[in-house]
Amino acid sequence: MTTVEKLELEHFKSAKSHVQEYCPNGTKIDCCRDLIERGMLQKKCDKIHFKRIIKPHTDCNHFEK
């Protein structure tokens, strides 16, 4: 590997080289509810949460759960 290639590799290398998991609860609200039910409210979930984008007028009965 040449010096130029090494410099390019370092330039494009990500500062965060770790992988994050998705929270099985989906949203932060659902995650907090689950933590409350399990009595673990003081614990913080560091996993990735989804942001709900469904509008209030949307009928959610057609979606899978």
PDB file of N, CA and C in Angstrom:
ATOM      1  N   MET A   1       0.848  -1.169   0.000  1.00  0.00           N
ATOM      2  CA  MET A   1       0.000   0.000   0.000  1.00  0.00           C
ATOM      3  C   MET A   1       0.899   1.239   0.000  1.00  0.00           C
ATOM      4  N   THR A   2       0.575   2.143  -0.865  1.00  0.00           N
ATOM      5  CA  THR A   2       1.386   3.355  -0.973  1.00  0.00           C
ATOM      6  C   THR A   2       1.005   4.361   0.121  1.00  0.00           C
ATOM      7  N   THR A   3       1.825   5.368   0.276  1.00  0.00           N
ATOM      8  CA  THR A   3       1.563   6.402   1.265  1.00  0.00           C
ATOM      9  C   THR A   3       0.289   7.164   0.941  1.00  0.00           C
ATOM     10  N   VAL A   4       0.061   7.422  -0.319  1.00  0.00           N
ATOM     11  CA  VAL A   4      -1.149   8.125  -0.739  1.00  0.00           C
ATOM     12  C   VAL A   4      -2.382   7.296  -0.394  1.00  0.00           C
ATOM     13  N   GLU A   5      -2.325   6.003  -0.637  1.00  0.00           N
ATOM     14  CA  GLU A   5      -3.446   5.128  -0.313  1.00  0.00           C
ATOM     15  C   GLU A   5      -3.704   5.095   1.194  1.00  0.00           C
ATOM     16  N   LYS A   6      -2.648   5.087   1.979  1.00  0.00           N
ATOM     17  CA  LYS A   6      -2.802   5.104   3.439  1.00  0.00           C
ATOM     18  C   LYS A   6      -3.449   6.404   3.902  1.00  0.00           C
ATOM     19  N   LEU A   7      -3.015   7.531   3.307  1.00  0.00           N
ATOM     20  CA  LEU A   7      -3.601   8.819   3.661  1.00  0.00           C
ATOM     21  C   LEU A   7      -5.078   8.884   3.282  1.00  0.00           C
ATOM     22  N   GLU A   8      -5.429   8.361   2.121  1.00  0.00           N
ATOM     23  CA  GLU A   8      -6.833   8.336   1.695  1.00  0.00           C
ATOM     24  C   GLU A   8      -7.653   7.456   2.627  1.00  0.00           C
ATOM     25  N   LEU A   9      -7.109   6.332   3.029  1.00  0.00           N
ATOM     26  CA  LEU A   9      -7.794   5.429   3.936  1.00  0.00           C
ATOM     27  C   LEU A   9      -8.068   6.111   5.276  1.00  0.00           C
ATOM     28  N   GLU A  10      -7.098   6.807   5.808  1.00  0.00           N
ATOM     29  CA  GLU A  10      -7.263   7.519   7.073  1.00  0.00           C
ATOM     30  C   GLU A  10      -8.266   8.667   6.940  1.00  0.00           C
ATOM     31  N   HIS A  11      -8.266   9.321   5.780  1.00  0.00           N
ATOM     32  CA  HIS A  11      -9.167  10.444   5.543  1.00  0.00           C
ATOM     33  C   HIS A  11     -10.630  10.001   5.560  1.00  0.00           C
ATOM     34  N   PHE A  12     -10.925   8.862   4.960  1.00  0.00           N
ATOM     35  CA  PHE A  12     -12.299   8.398   4.832  1.00  0.00           C
ATOM     36  C   PHE A  12     -12.725   7.441   5.943  1.00  0.00           C
ATOM     37  N   LYS A  13     -11.836   7.166   6.863  1.00  0.00           N
ATOM     38  CA  LYS A  13     -12.152   6.273   7.961  1.00  0.00           C
ATOM     39  C   LYS A  13     -13.143   6.968   8.898  1.00  0.00           C
ATOM     40  N   SER A  14     -14.149   6.238   9.328  1.00  0.00           N
ATOM     41  CA  SER A  14     -15.173   6.794  10.200  1.00  0.00           C
ATOM     42  C   SER A  14     -14.641   6.963  11.620  1.00  0.00           C
ATOM     43  N   ALA A  15     -15.042   8.047  12.250  1.00  0.00           N
ATOM     44  CA  ALA A  15     -14.637   8.282  13.634  1.00  0.00           C
ATOM     45  C   ALA A  15     -15.339   7.304  14.567  1.00  0.00           C
ATOM     46  N   LYS A  16     -16.579   6.956  14.246  1.00  0.00           N
ATOM     47  CA  LYS A  16     -17.323   5.970  15.030  1.00  0.00           C
ATOM     48  C   LYS A  16     -17.271   4.639  14.289  1.00  0.00           C
ATOM     49  N   SER A  17     -16.473   3.766  14.779  1.00  0.00           N
ATOM     50  CA  SER A  17     -16.321   2.484  14.080  1.00  0.00           C
ATOM     51  C   SER A  17     -17.074   1.360  14.781  1.00  0.00           C
ATOM     52  N   HIS A  18     -18.169   1.688  15.462  1.00  0.00           N
ATOM     53  CA  HIS A  18     -18.947   0.658  16.123  1.00  0.00           C
ATOM     54  C   HIS A  18     -20.332   0.557  15.492  1.00  0.00           C
ATOM     55  N   VAL A  19     -20.967  -0.564  15.718  1.00  0.00           N
ATOM     56  CA  VAL A  19     -22.290  -0.818  15.165  1.00  0.00           C
ATOM     57  C   VAL A  19     -23.319  -0.640  16.276  1.00  0.00           C
ATOM     58  N   GLN A  20     -24.419   0.014  15.973  1.00  0.00           N
ATOM     59  CA  GLN A  20     -25.481   0.183  16.955  1.00  0.00           C
ATOM     60  C   GLN A  20     -26.660  -0.699  16.583  1.00  0.00           C
ATOM     61  N   GLU A  21     -27.331  -1.209  17.600  1.00  0.00           N
ATOM     62  CA  GLU A  21     -28.496  -2.070  17.395  1.00  0.00           C
ATOM     63  C   GLU A  21     -29.773  -1.252  17.430  1.00  0.00           C
ATOM     64  N   TYR A  22     -30.814  -1.768  16.775  1.00  0.00           N
ATOM     65  CA  TYR A  22     -32.139  -1.177  16.865  1.00  0.00           C
ATOM     66  C   TYR A  22     -32.812  -1.697  18.128  1.00  0.00           C
ATOM     67  N   CYS A  23     -33.538  -0.842  18.804  1.00  0.00           N
ATOM     68  CA  CYS A  23     -34.264  -1.228  20.005  1.00  0.00           C
ATOM     69  C   CYS A  23     -35.457  -2.094  19.592  1.00  0.00           C
ATOM     70  N   PRO A  24     -35.666  -3.228  20.261  1.00  0.00           N
ATOM     71  CA  PRO A  24     -36.793  -4.097  19.890  1.00  0.00           C
ATOM     72  C   PRO A  24     -38.152  -3.458  20.166  1.00  0.00           C
ATOM     73  N   ASN A  25     -38.185  -2.389  20.976  1.00  0.00           N
ATOM     74  CA  ASN A  25     -39.452  -1.715  21.281  1.00  0.00           C
ATOM     75  C   ASN A  25     -39.874  -0.736  20.196  1.00  0.00           C
ATOM     76  N   GLY A  26     -38.989  -0.406  19.305  1.00  0.00           N
ATOM     77  CA  GLY A  26     -39.318   0.494  18.195  1.00  0.00           C
ATOM     78  C   GLY A  26     -39.076   1.949  18.518  1.00  0.00           C
ATOM     79  N   THR A  27     -40.053   2.599  19.153  1.00  0.00           N
ATOM     80  CA  THR A  27     -39.935   4.024  19.443  1.00  0.00           C
ATOM     81  C   THR A  27     -39.447   4.256  20.866  1.00  0.00           C
ATOM     82  N   LYS A  28     -38.987   5.480  21.145  1.00  0.00           N
ATOM     83  CA  LYS A  28     -38.533   5.822  22.502  1.00  0.00           C
ATOM     84  C   LYS A  28     -39.680   5.741  23.499  1.00  0.00           C
ATOM     85  N   ILE A  29     -40.878   6.132  23.069  1.00  0.00           N
ATOM     86  CA  ILE A  29     -42.038   6.083  23.964  1.00  0.00           C
ATOM     87  C   ILE A  29     -42.336   4.644  24.364  1.00  0.00           C
ATOM     88  N   ASP A  30     -42.354   3.740  23.387  1.00  0.00           N
ATOM     89  CA  ASP A  30     -42.599   2.334  23.689  1.00  0.00           C
ATOM     90  C   ASP A  30     -41.484   1.757  24.556  1.00  0.00           C
ATOM     91  N   CYS A  31     -40.268   2.202  24.329  1.00  0.00           N
ATOM     92  CA  CYS A  31     -39.124   1.748  25.108  1.00  0.00           C
ATOM     93  C   CYS A  31     -39.266   2.195  26.568  1.00  0.00           C
ATOM     94  N   CYS A  32     -39.656   3.454  26.775  1.00  0.00           N
ATOM     95  CA  CYS A  32     -39.857   3.965  28.135  1.00  0.00           C
ATOM     96  C   CYS A  32     -40.969   3.208  28.840  1.00  0.00           C
ATOM     97  N   ARG A  33     -42.056   2.924  28.128  1.00  0.00           N
ATOM     98  CA  ARG A  33     -43.154   2.146  28.722  1.00  0.00           C
ATOM     99  C   ARG A  33     -42.665   0.773  29.163  1.00  0.00           C
ATOM    100  N   ASP A  34     -41.867   0.147  28.325  1.00  0.00           N
ATOM    101  CA  ASP A  34     -41.333  -1.184  28.651  1.00  0.00           C
ATOM    102  C   ASP A  34     -40.413  -1.115  29.868  1.00  0.00           C
ATOM    103  N   LEU A  35     -39.560  -0.087  29.933  1.00  0.00           N
ATOM    104  CA  LEU A  35     -38.664   0.065  31.078  1.00  0.00           C
ATOM    105  C   LEU A  35     -39.445   0.311  32.359  1.00  0.00           C
ATOM    106  N   ILE A  36     -40.539   1.073  32.277  1.00  0.00           N
ATOM    107  CA  ILE A  36     -41.382   1.327  33.454  1.00  0.00           C
ATOM    108  C   ILE A  36     -42.020   0.033  33.921  1.00  0.00           C
ATOM    109  N   GLU A  37     -42.559  -0.751  32.967  1.00  0.00           N
ATOM    110  CA  GLU A  37     -43.198  -2.022  33.315  1.00  0.00           C
ATOM    111  C   GLU A  37     -42.215  -2.985  33.985  1.00  0.00           C
ATOM    112  N   ARG A  38     -40.971  -2.946  33.569  1.00  0.00           N
ATOM    113  CA  ARG A  38     -39.961  -3.836  34.141  1.00  0.00           C
ATOM    114  C   ARG A  38     -39.263  -3.218  35.352  1.00  0.00           C
ATOM    115  N   GLY A  39     -39.666  -2.001  35.752  1.00  0.00           N
ATOM    116  CA  GLY A  39     -39.095  -1.346  36.913  1.00  0.00           C
ATOM    117  C   GLY A  39     -37.653  -0.902  36.718  1.00  0.00           C
ATOM    118  N   MET A  40     -37.311  -0.569  35.487  1.00  0.00           N
ATOM    119  CA  MET A  40     -35.931  -0.186  35.164  1.00  0.00           C
ATOM    120  C   MET A  40     -35.875   1.223  34.577  1.00  0.00           C
ATOM    121  N   LEU A  41     -36.701   2.126  35.072  1.00  0.00           N
ATOM    122  CA  LEU A  41     -36.806   3.460  34.489  1.00  0.00           C
ATOM    123  C   LEU A  41     -35.506   4.240  34.558  1.00  0.00           C
ATOM    124  N   GLN A  42     -34.688   4.015  35.598  1.00  0.00           N
ATOM    125  CA  GLN A  42     -33.437   4.760  35.718  1.00  0.00           C
ATOM    126  C   GLN A  42     -32.411   4.329  34.675  1.00  0.00           C
ATOM    127  N   LYS A  43     -32.613   3.182  34.021  1.00  0.00           N
ATOM    128  CA  LYS A  43     -31.678   2.713  33.004  1.00  0.00           C
ATOM    129  C   LYS A  43     -31.975   3.401  31.670  1.00  0.00           C
ATOM    130  N   LYS A  44     -30.928   3.822  30.964  1.00  0.00           N
ATOM    131  CA  LYS A  44     -31.079   4.485  29.671  1.00  0.00           C
ATOM    132  C   LYS A  44     -30.828   3.477  28.554  1.00  0.00           C
ATOM    133  N   CYS A  45     -31.661   3.489  27.544  1.00  0.00           N
ATOM    134  CA  CYS A  45     -31.490   2.615  26.386  1.00  0.00           C
ATOM    135  C   CYS A  45     -30.616   3.337  25.359  1.00  0.00           C
ATOM    136  N   ASP A  46     -29.491   2.742  25.023  1.00  0.00           N
ATOM    137  CA  ASP A  46     -28.562   3.357  24.078  1.00  0.00           C
ATOM    138  C   ASP A  46     -28.735   2.856  22.648  1.00  0.00           C
ATOM    139  N   LYS A  47     -29.791   2.095  22.411  1.00  0.00           N
ATOM    140  CA  LYS A  47     -30.021   1.562  21.062  1.00  0.00           C
ATOM    141  C   LYS A  47     -30.737   2.602  20.204  1.00  0.00           C
ATOM    142  N   ILE A  48     -30.804   2.340  18.915  1.00  0.00           N
ATOM    143  CA  ILE A  48     -31.439   3.262  17.968  1.00  0.00           C
ATOM    144  C   ILE A  48     -32.950   3.075  18.018  1.00  0.00           C
ATOM    145  N   HIS A  49     -33.680   4.200  18.076  1.00  0.00           N
ATOM    146  CA  HIS A  49     -35.139   4.169  18.098  1.00  0.00           C
ATOM    147  C   HIS A  49     -35.697   4.792  16.825  1.00  0.00           C
ATOM    148  N   PHE A  50     -36.857   4.309  16.419  1.00  0.00           N
ATOM    149  CA  PHE A  50     -37.541   4.859  15.256  1.00  0.00           C
ATOM    150  C   PHE A  50     -38.367   6.059  15.672  1.00  0.00           C
ATOM    151  N   LYS A  51     -38.590   6.960  14.741  1.00  0.00           N
ATOM    152  CA  LYS A  51     -39.441   8.111  14.986  1.00  0.00           C
ATOM    153  C   LYS A  51     -40.763   7.868  14.264  1.00  0.00           C
ATOM    154  N   ARG A  52     -41.861   7.926  15.019  1.00  0.00           N
ATOM    155  CA  ARG A  52     -43.175   7.668  14.437  1.00  0.00           C
ATOM    156  C   ARG A  52     -43.534   8.807  13.481  1.00  0.00           C
ATOM    157  N   ILE A  53     -43.872   8.456  12.252  1.00  0.00           N
ATOM    158  CA  ILE A  53     -44.217   9.480  11.263  1.00  0.00           C
ATOM    159  C   ILE A  53     -45.671   9.366  10.820  1.00  0.00           C
ATOM    160  N   ILE A  54     -46.419   8.460  11.450  1.00  0.00           N
ATOM    161  CA  ILE A  54     -47.835   8.303  11.111  1.00  0.00           C
ATOM    162  C   ILE A  54     -48.606   9.467  11.712  1.00  0.00           C
ATOM    163  N   LYS A  55     -49.433  10.091  10.915  1.00  0.00           N
ATOM    164  CA  LYS A  55     -50.208  11.247  11.356  1.00  0.00           C
ATOM    165  C   LYS A  55     -51.388  10.795  12.225  1.00  0.00           C
ATOM    166  N   PRO A  56     -51.866  11.679  13.113  1.00  0.00           N
ATOM    167  CA  PRO A  56     -52.949  11.304  14.032  1.00  0.00           C
ATOM    168  C   PRO A  56     -54.239  10.848  13.335  1.00  0.00           C
ATOM    169  N   HIS A  57     -54.502  11.333  12.146  1.00  0.00           N
ATOM    170  CA  HIS A  57     -55.736  10.976  11.455  1.00  0.00           C
ATOM    171  C   HIS A  57     -55.638   9.645  10.694  1.00  0.00           C
ATOM    172  N   THR A  58     -54.464   9.015  10.687  1.00  0.00           N
ATOM    173  CA  THR A  58     -54.268   7.764   9.958  1.00  0.00           C
ATOM    174  C   THR A  58     -54.894   6.600  10.727  1.00  0.00           C
ATOM    175  N   ASP A  59     -55.652   5.765  10.005  1.00  0.00           N
ATOM    176  CA  ASP A  59     -56.264   4.583  10.600  1.00  0.00           C
ATOM    177  C   ASP A  59     -55.219   3.470  10.639  1.00  0.00           C
ATOM    178  N   CYS A  60     -54.737   3.137  11.824  1.00  0.00           N
ATOM    179  CA  CYS A  60     -53.672   2.143  11.975  1.00  0.00           C
ATOM    180  C   CYS A  60     -54.178   0.709  12.058  1.00  0.00           C
ATOM    181  N   ASN A  61     -55.478   0.511  11.934  1.00  0.00           N
ATOM    182  CA  ASN A  61     -56.028  -0.853  12.017  1.00  0.00           C
ATOM    183  C   ASN A  61     -55.609  -1.720  10.839  1.00  0.00           C
ATOM    184  N   HIS A  62     -55.106  -1.124   9.781  1.00  0.00           N
ATOM    185  CA  HIS A  62     -54.723  -1.868   8.582  1.00  0.00           C
ATOM    186  C   HIS A  62     -53.271  -2.345   8.644  1.00  0.00           C
ATOM    187  N   PHE A  63     -52.530  -1.906   9.642  1.00  0.00           N
ATOM    188  CA  PHE A  63     -51.109  -2.237   9.735  1.00  0.00           C
ATOM    189  C   PHE A  63     -50.900  -3.518  10.521  1.00  0.00           C
ATOM    190  N   GLU A  64     -49.789  -4.192  10.229  1.00  0.00           N
ATOM    191  CA  GLU A  64     -49.407  -5.368  10.996  1.00  0.00           C
ATOM    192  C   GLU A  64     -48.846  -4.929  12.336  1.00  0.00           C
ATOM    193  N   LYS A  65     -49.023  -5.752  13.342  1.00  0.00           N
ATOM    194  CA  LYS A  65     -48.464  -5.440  14.657  1.00  0.00           C
ATOM    195  C   LYS A  65     -47.500  -6.482  15.071  1.00  0.00           C
TER     196      LYS A  65
END
